């Protein structure tokens, strides 16, 4: 993963195993992470960091709701104050060609969102707000 793809707060994997949070990126492509499972902060190179595959469980962790459809599921979050529809939504095709059913799309159906950090970056670019995990309901 390239350091330029990351923003502070992005969720990533460190050494393909440890869920981590980006705390900084240097001009020399150094990446700083907080690794909660190890109770530590580390500095590392690009080769040690990879994206977390976006799954339905991750969408739930961020607070997205799902509307089941015949051909696809529509995942949405927030309310647009002007149009009174969803602030942000994704389409996840069911079955069919595995190239297109493996990841959700943002509205237009062309650009797949494959990792958690891509979703976080897109959400921030469109709303100006950070996409963070919600408290888990018991």
N, C-alpha and C. Protein backbone atom coordinates (compact mmCIF):
# COMPACT_ATOMS: atom_id res chain seq x y z
N UNK A 1 0.84 -1.17 0.00
CA UNK A 1 0.00 0.00 0.00
C UNK A 1 0.89 1.24 0.00
N UNK A 2 0.53 2.21 -0.80
CA UNK A 2 1.30 3.45 -0.88
C UNK A 2 0.88 4.40 0.24
N UNK A 3 1.85 5.07 0.82
CA UNK A 3 1.58 6.01 1.91
C UNK A 3 0.65 7.13 1.44
N UNK A 4 0.73 7.51 0.18
CA UNK A 4 -0.09 8.60 -0.35
C UNK A 4 -1.59 8.26 -0.32
N UNK A 5 -1.93 6.98 -0.23
CA UNK A 5 -3.32 6.54 -0.18
C UNK A 5 -3.93 6.67 1.22
N UNK A 6 -3.10 7.04 2.19
CA UNK A 6 -3.54 7.02 3.58
C UNK A 6 -3.75 8.40 4.17
N UNK A 7 -4.70 8.46 5.09
CA UNK A 7 -4.96 9.66 5.88
C UNK A 7 -4.93 9.26 7.35
N UNK A 8 -4.65 10.21 8.21
CA UNK A 8 -4.69 9.96 9.65
C UNK A 8 -6.09 9.48 10.01
N UNK A 9 -6.16 8.41 10.77
CA UNK A 9 -7.44 7.83 11.17
C UNK A 9 -7.85 6.62 10.34
N UNK A 10 -7.20 6.39 9.18
CA UNK A 10 -7.53 5.23 8.37
C UNK A 10 -7.24 3.94 9.12
N UNK A 11 -8.12 2.96 8.92
CA UNK A 11 -7.92 1.61 9.47
C UNK A 11 -7.17 0.79 8.43
N UNK A 12 -6.08 0.13 8.85
CA UNK A 12 -5.27 -0.69 7.96
C UNK A 12 -4.79 -1.93 8.71
N UNK A 13 -4.12 -2.82 7.98
CA UNK A 13 -3.48 -3.97 8.60
C UNK A 13 -1.98 -3.74 8.64
N UNK A 14 -1.39 -4.03 9.79
CA UNK A 14 0.06 -3.99 9.95
C UNK A 14 0.56 -5.43 9.89
N UNK A 15 1.54 -5.68 9.04
CA UNK A 15 2.10 -7.03 8.85
C UNK A 15 1.01 -8.06 8.54
N UNK A 16 0.01 -7.67 7.78
CA UNK A 16 -1.08 -8.52 7.30
C UNK A 16 -1.89 -9.17 8.42
N UNK A 17 -1.75 -8.69 9.65
CA UNK A 17 -2.44 -9.35 10.75
C UNK A 17 -3.07 -8.39 11.76
N UNK A 18 -2.35 -7.34 12.13
CA UNK A 18 -2.79 -6.48 13.22
C UNK A 18 -3.61 -5.30 12.71
N UNK A 19 -4.87 -5.23 13.14
CA UNK A 19 -5.71 -4.08 12.80
C UNK A 19 -5.10 -2.85 13.46
N UNK A 20 -4.86 -1.81 12.68
CA UNK A 20 -4.16 -0.62 13.16
C UNK A 20 -4.83 0.65 12.66
N UNK A 21 -4.44 1.77 13.26
CA UNK A 21 -4.96 3.07 12.87
C UNK A 21 -3.78 3.96 12.48
N UNK A 22 -3.86 4.60 11.33
CA UNK A 22 -2.80 5.50 10.87
C UNK A 22 -2.80 6.75 11.75
N UNK A 23 -1.64 7.07 12.31
CA UNK A 23 -1.52 8.28 13.13
C UNK A 23 -0.67 9.34 12.44
N UNK A 24 0.01 8.98 11.35
CA UNK A 24 0.81 9.95 10.63
C UNK A 24 1.46 9.35 9.41
N UNK A 25 1.80 10.21 8.44
CA UNK A 25 2.49 9.81 7.22
C UNK A 25 3.53 10.88 6.93
N UNK A 26 4.77 10.46 6.64
CA UNK A 26 5.83 11.43 6.36
C UNK A 26 6.01 11.61 4.86
N UNK A 27 6.70 12.67 4.47
CA UNK A 27 6.98 12.92 3.06
C UNK A 27 7.86 11.83 2.47
N UNK A 28 8.60 11.13 3.31
CA UNK A 28 9.49 10.06 2.86
C UNK A 28 8.76 8.72 2.80
N UNK A 29 7.42 8.75 2.84
CA UNK A 29 6.57 7.56 2.77
C UNK A 29 6.67 6.67 4.00
N UNK A 30 7.10 7.23 5.11
CA UNK A 30 7.04 6.50 6.37
C UNK A 30 5.63 6.60 6.93
N UNK A 31 5.20 5.55 7.59
CA UNK A 31 3.84 5.49 8.12
C UNK A 31 3.91 5.23 9.62
N UNK A 32 3.13 5.97 10.39
CA UNK A 32 3.05 5.75 11.82
C UNK A 32 1.68 5.18 12.15
N UNK A 33 1.68 4.15 12.99
CA UNK A 33 0.46 3.44 13.32
C UNK A 33 0.27 3.30 14.82
N UNK A 34 -0.98 3.21 15.21
CA UNK A 34 -1.33 2.78 16.57
C UNK A 34 -1.89 1.37 16.41
N UNK A 35 -1.31 0.42 17.14
CA UNK A 35 -1.72 -0.98 17.06
C UNK A 35 -2.36 -1.33 18.40
N UNK A 36 -3.70 -1.17 18.49
CA UNK A 36 -4.37 -1.39 19.77
C UNK A 36 -4.13 -2.77 20.39
N UNK A 37 -4.09 -3.82 19.59
CA UNK A 37 -3.92 -5.16 20.14
C UNK A 37 -2.55 -5.35 20.79
N UNK A 38 -1.58 -4.54 20.39
CA UNK A 38 -0.25 -4.63 20.97
C UNK A 38 0.02 -3.47 21.94
N UNK A 39 -0.98 -2.60 22.11
CA UNK A 39 -0.84 -1.43 22.99
C UNK A 39 0.43 -0.64 22.66
N UNK A 40 0.66 -0.41 21.37
CA UNK A 40 1.88 0.29 20.98
C UNK A 40 1.65 1.20 19.78
N UNK A 41 2.59 2.09 19.58
CA UNK A 41 2.65 2.95 18.39
C UNK A 41 3.96 2.60 17.70
N UNK A 42 3.90 2.49 16.38
CA UNK A 42 5.10 2.09 15.65
C UNK A 42 5.25 2.93 14.40
N UNK A 43 6.46 2.96 13.89
CA UNK A 43 6.75 3.54 12.59
C UNK A 43 7.11 2.39 11.66
N UNK A 44 6.70 2.47 10.41
CA UNK A 44 7.00 1.38 9.49
C UNK A 44 7.07 1.90 8.05
N UNK A 45 7.42 1.02 7.15
CA UNK A 45 7.49 1.35 5.73
C UNK A 45 6.23 0.85 5.03
N UNK A 46 6.00 1.32 3.81
CA UNK A 46 4.80 0.98 3.05
C UNK A 46 4.55 -0.52 2.95
N UNK A 47 5.61 -1.29 2.80
CA UNK A 47 5.48 -2.73 2.58
C UNK A 47 4.85 -3.46 3.77
N UNK A 48 4.85 -2.84 4.93
CA UNK A 48 4.29 -3.47 6.14
C UNK A 48 2.81 -3.18 6.33
N UNK A 49 2.24 -2.35 5.46
CA UNK A 49 0.85 -1.92 5.63
C UNK A 49 0.03 -2.38 4.43
N UNK A 50 -1.16 -2.90 4.72
CA UNK A 50 -2.08 -3.30 3.66
C UNK A 50 -3.50 -2.89 4.04
N UNK A 51 -4.36 -2.85 3.04
CA UNK A 51 -5.75 -2.47 3.28
C UNK A 51 -6.53 -3.60 3.92
N UNK A 52 -7.52 -3.25 4.70
CA UNK A 52 -8.44 -4.22 5.27
C UNK A 52 -9.55 -4.42 4.25
N UNK A 53 -9.82 -5.65 3.87
CA UNK A 53 -10.86 -5.93 2.89
C UNK A 53 -12.21 -5.47 3.43
N UNK A 54 -12.92 -4.70 2.63
CA UNK A 54 -14.23 -4.19 3.03
C UNK A 54 -15.26 -5.31 2.98
N UNK A 55 -15.93 -5.53 4.10
CA UNK A 55 -16.97 -6.56 4.21
C UNK A 55 -18.25 -5.94 4.74
N UNK A 56 -19.33 -6.71 4.72
CA UNK A 56 -20.58 -6.23 5.28
C UNK A 56 -20.43 -5.97 6.78
N UNK A 57 -19.63 -6.77 7.45
CA UNK A 57 -19.40 -6.55 8.88
C UNK A 57 -18.77 -5.18 9.13
N UNK A 58 -17.84 -4.77 8.27
CA UNK A 58 -17.23 -3.44 8.42
C UNK A 58 -18.27 -2.35 8.21
N UNK A 59 -19.14 -2.52 7.23
CA UNK A 59 -20.17 -1.51 7.00
C UNK A 59 -21.05 -1.38 8.25
N UNK A 60 -21.39 -2.50 8.88
CA UNK A 60 -22.18 -2.47 10.11
C UNK A 60 -21.41 -1.78 11.23
N UNK A 61 -20.12 -2.04 11.31
CA UNK A 61 -19.30 -1.40 12.36
C UNK A 61 -19.30 0.12 12.21
N UNK A 62 -19.38 0.61 10.98
CA UNK A 62 -19.41 2.05 10.73
C UNK A 62 -20.81 2.64 10.88
N UNK A 63 -21.81 1.80 11.06
CA UNK A 63 -23.17 2.29 11.27
C UNK A 63 -24.04 2.31 10.04
N UNK A 64 -23.62 1.67 8.95
CA UNK A 64 -24.44 1.59 7.74
C UNK A 64 -25.64 0.67 8.00
N UNK A 65 -26.76 0.97 7.37
CA UNK A 65 -27.93 0.10 7.37
C UNK A 65 -28.07 -0.50 5.98
N UNK A 66 -28.74 -1.65 5.91
CA UNK A 66 -28.87 -2.36 4.63
C UNK A 66 -30.33 -2.50 4.25
N UNK A 67 -30.59 -2.30 2.97
CA UNK A 67 -31.89 -2.61 2.38
C UNK A 67 -31.65 -3.71 1.37
N UNK A 68 -32.24 -4.87 1.63
CA UNK A 68 -32.08 -6.01 0.73
C UNK A 68 -32.89 -5.79 -0.53
N UNK A 69 -32.28 -6.16 -1.65
CA UNK A 69 -32.96 -6.11 -2.93
C UNK A 69 -32.80 -7.44 -3.64
N UNK A 70 -33.48 -7.59 -4.74
CA UNK A 70 -33.43 -8.84 -5.49
C UNK A 70 -32.08 -9.04 -6.17
N UNK A 71 -31.53 -7.97 -6.72
CA UNK A 71 -30.28 -8.04 -7.47
C UNK A 71 -29.10 -7.52 -6.65
N UNK A 72 -29.39 -6.58 -5.76
CA UNK A 72 -28.31 -5.98 -4.97
C UNK A 72 -28.83 -5.56 -3.60
N UNK A 73 -27.89 -5.32 -2.71
CA UNK A 73 -28.20 -4.72 -1.41
C UNK A 73 -27.72 -3.28 -1.46
N UNK A 74 -28.49 -2.40 -0.86
CA UNK A 74 -28.11 -0.99 -0.80
C UNK A 74 -27.77 -0.66 0.65
N UNK A 75 -26.54 -0.23 0.86
CA UNK A 75 -26.05 0.14 2.19
C UNK A 75 -26.04 1.65 2.28
N UNK A 76 -26.57 2.20 3.37
CA UNK A 76 -26.67 3.66 3.47
C UNK A 76 -26.38 4.11 4.89
N UNK A 77 -25.99 5.41 4.98
CA UNK A 77 -25.70 6.02 6.27
C UNK A 77 -26.05 7.49 6.20
N UNK A 78 -26.60 8.02 7.27
CA UNK A 78 -26.89 9.45 7.37
C UNK A 78 -28.04 9.90 6.49
N UNK A 79 -28.50 11.12 6.74
CA UNK A 79 -29.59 11.73 5.98
C UNK A 79 -29.10 13.04 5.37
N UNK A 80 -29.36 13.22 4.08
CA UNK A 80 -29.06 14.46 3.38
C UNK A 80 -30.11 15.49 3.79
N UNK A 81 -29.69 16.57 4.43
CA UNK A 81 -30.62 17.57 4.94
C UNK A 81 -31.37 18.31 3.84
N UNK A 82 -30.83 18.33 2.64
CA UNK A 82 -31.47 19.06 1.53
C UNK A 82 -32.46 18.17 0.79
N UNK A 83 -32.04 16.97 0.40
CA UNK A 83 -32.89 16.09 -0.40
C UNK A 83 -33.70 15.11 0.45
N UNK A 84 -33.34 14.98 1.72
CA UNK A 84 -34.00 14.06 2.66
C UNK A 84 -33.90 12.59 2.23
N UNK A 85 -32.90 12.28 1.44
CA UNK A 85 -32.61 10.88 1.16
C UNK A 85 -31.30 10.54 1.87
N UNK A 86 -30.67 9.45 1.51
CA UNK A 86 -29.46 9.02 2.20
C UNK A 86 -28.30 9.95 1.90
N UNK A 87 -27.51 10.23 2.91
CA UNK A 87 -26.33 11.09 2.76
C UNK A 87 -25.27 10.39 1.92
N UNK A 88 -25.11 9.08 2.14
CA UNK A 88 -24.05 8.32 1.49
C UNK A 88 -24.55 6.89 1.35
N UNK A 89 -24.46 6.34 0.13
CA UNK A 89 -24.91 4.96 -0.04
C UNK A 89 -24.03 4.20 -1.02
N UNK A 90 -24.05 2.88 -0.82
CA UNK A 90 -23.27 1.96 -1.63
C UNK A 90 -24.19 0.88 -2.16
N UNK A 91 -23.85 0.33 -3.32
CA UNK A 91 -24.59 -0.78 -3.90
C UNK A 91 -23.67 -1.99 -3.92
N UNK A 92 -24.19 -3.12 -3.43
CA UNK A 92 -23.41 -4.37 -3.41
C UNK A 92 -24.22 -5.40 -4.18
N UNK A 93 -23.75 -5.77 -5.38
CA UNK A 93 -24.44 -6.73 -6.22
C UNK A 93 -24.41 -8.11 -5.58
N UNK A 94 -25.48 -8.86 -5.78
CA UNK A 94 -25.56 -10.23 -5.26
C UNK A 94 -25.14 -11.21 -6.36
N UNK A 95 -24.37 -12.23 -5.99
CA UNK A 95 -24.03 -13.31 -6.91
C UNK A 95 -23.45 -12.83 -8.22
N UNK A 96 -23.76 -13.58 -9.28
CA UNK A 96 -23.31 -13.21 -10.62
C UNK A 96 -21.81 -13.28 -10.78
N UNK A 97 -21.28 -12.41 -11.61
CA UNK A 97 -19.85 -12.35 -11.91
C UNK A 97 -19.09 -11.97 -10.64
N UNK A 98 -18.18 -12.82 -10.22
CA UNK A 98 -17.46 -12.59 -8.97
C UNK A 98 -16.63 -11.31 -9.00
N UNK A 99 -16.24 -10.83 -10.19
CA UNK A 99 -15.48 -9.59 -10.26
C UNK A 99 -16.30 -8.39 -9.81
N UNK A 100 -17.61 -8.48 -9.96
CA UNK A 100 -18.44 -7.35 -9.60
C UNK A 100 -19.24 -7.56 -8.32
N UNK A 101 -19.32 -8.78 -7.83
CA UNK A 101 -20.06 -9.04 -6.61
C UNK A 101 -19.20 -9.05 -5.36
N UNK A 102 -17.88 -8.95 -5.53
CA UNK A 102 -16.98 -9.05 -4.39
C UNK A 102 -16.90 -7.78 -3.56
N UNK A 103 -17.19 -6.64 -4.14
CA UNK A 103 -17.03 -5.36 -3.45
C UNK A 103 -18.21 -4.45 -3.78
N UNK A 104 -18.50 -3.50 -2.89
CA UNK A 104 -19.57 -2.55 -3.18
C UNK A 104 -19.09 -1.44 -4.12
N UNK A 105 -20.05 -0.74 -4.69
CA UNK A 105 -19.80 0.41 -5.56
C UNK A 105 -20.38 1.64 -4.91
N UNK A 106 -19.77 2.79 -5.19
CA UNK A 106 -20.39 4.05 -4.80
C UNK A 106 -21.30 4.49 -5.94
N UNK A 107 -22.55 4.53 -5.72
CA UNK A 107 -23.62 4.98 -6.61
C UNK A 107 -23.53 4.59 -8.08
N UNK A 108 -22.50 5.03 -8.79
CA UNK A 108 -22.50 4.90 -10.25
C UNK A 108 -22.17 3.50 -10.75
N UNK A 109 -21.81 2.59 -9.90
CA UNK A 109 -21.59 1.21 -10.30
C UNK A 109 -20.32 0.95 -11.07
N UNK A 110 -19.38 1.88 -11.08
CA UNK A 110 -18.15 1.64 -11.82
C UNK A 110 -16.96 1.45 -10.89
N UNK A 111 -16.87 2.25 -9.85
CA UNK A 111 -15.68 2.24 -9.01
C UNK A 111 -15.91 1.40 -7.76
N UNK A 112 -15.25 0.24 -7.73
CA UNK A 112 -15.36 -0.66 -6.59
C UNK A 112 -14.57 -0.10 -5.41
N UNK A 113 -15.10 -0.28 -4.23
CA UNK A 113 -14.42 0.12 -3.00
C UNK A 113 -13.97 -1.17 -2.34
N UNK A 114 -12.67 -1.43 -2.39
CA UNK A 114 -12.15 -2.73 -1.96
C UNK A 114 -11.64 -2.76 -0.53
N UNK A 115 -11.33 -1.60 0.04
CA UNK A 115 -10.74 -1.61 1.38
C UNK A 115 -11.39 -0.56 2.27
N UNK A 116 -11.26 -0.79 3.57
CA UNK A 116 -11.84 0.10 4.56
C UNK A 116 -11.29 1.52 4.41
N UNK A 117 -9.98 1.66 4.19
CA UNK A 117 -9.42 3.01 4.07
C UNK A 117 -9.94 3.74 2.83
N UNK A 118 -10.22 3.03 1.74
CA UNK A 118 -10.81 3.67 0.56
C UNK A 118 -12.19 4.23 0.91
N UNK A 119 -12.98 3.45 1.64
CA UNK A 119 -14.31 3.92 2.05
C UNK A 119 -14.18 5.14 2.95
N UNK A 120 -13.26 5.09 3.93
CA UNK A 120 -13.07 6.22 4.82
C UNK A 120 -12.66 7.48 4.05
N UNK A 121 -11.76 7.33 3.09
CA UNK A 121 -11.28 8.48 2.32
C UNK A 121 -12.39 9.06 1.44
N UNK A 122 -13.17 8.20 0.79
CA UNK A 122 -14.27 8.68 -0.05
C UNK A 122 -15.31 9.39 0.79
N UNK A 123 -15.67 8.81 1.92
CA UNK A 123 -16.66 9.43 2.79
C UNK A 123 -16.19 10.81 3.23
N UNK A 124 -14.92 10.93 3.62
CA UNK A 124 -14.39 12.22 4.04
C UNK A 124 -14.39 13.22 2.88
N UNK A 125 -13.98 12.77 1.70
CA UNK A 125 -13.93 13.68 0.54
C UNK A 125 -15.32 14.22 0.19
N UNK A 126 -16.35 13.41 0.36
CA UNK A 126 -17.70 13.83 0.00
C UNK A 126 -18.44 14.58 1.10
N UNK A 127 -18.14 14.26 2.36
CA UNK A 127 -18.91 14.86 3.45
C UNK A 127 -18.12 15.81 4.32
N UNK A 128 -16.78 15.71 4.28
CA UNK A 128 -15.95 16.52 5.17
C UNK A 128 -15.94 16.00 6.59
N UNK A 129 -16.50 14.82 6.81
CA UNK A 129 -16.55 14.21 8.14
C UNK A 129 -15.81 12.88 8.13
N UNK A 130 -15.27 12.52 9.30
CA UNK A 130 -14.58 11.24 9.43
C UNK A 130 -15.60 10.12 9.57
N UNK A 131 -15.33 8.99 8.94
CA UNK A 131 -16.16 7.79 9.09
C UNK A 131 -15.50 6.93 10.16
N UNK A 132 -16.13 6.81 11.30
CA UNK A 132 -15.56 6.08 12.41
C UNK A 132 -16.50 4.97 12.84
N UNK A 133 -15.97 4.04 13.59
CA UNK A 133 -16.78 2.93 14.08
C UNK A 133 -17.76 3.43 15.13
N UNK A 134 -18.94 2.86 15.09
CA UNK A 134 -19.99 3.20 16.05
C UNK A 134 -19.89 2.26 17.24
N UNK A 135 -20.45 2.69 18.35
CA UNK A 135 -20.52 1.83 19.52
C UNK A 135 -21.34 0.59 19.16
N UNK A 136 -20.86 -0.57 19.57
CA UNK A 136 -21.58 -1.82 19.31
C UNK A 136 -22.78 -1.92 20.26
N UNK A 137 -23.93 -2.25 19.70
CA UNK A 137 -25.14 -2.44 20.52
C UNK A 137 -25.11 -3.84 21.13
N UNK A 138 -25.48 -3.97 22.41
CA UNK A 138 -25.47 -5.30 23.04
C UNK A 138 -26.53 -6.21 22.47
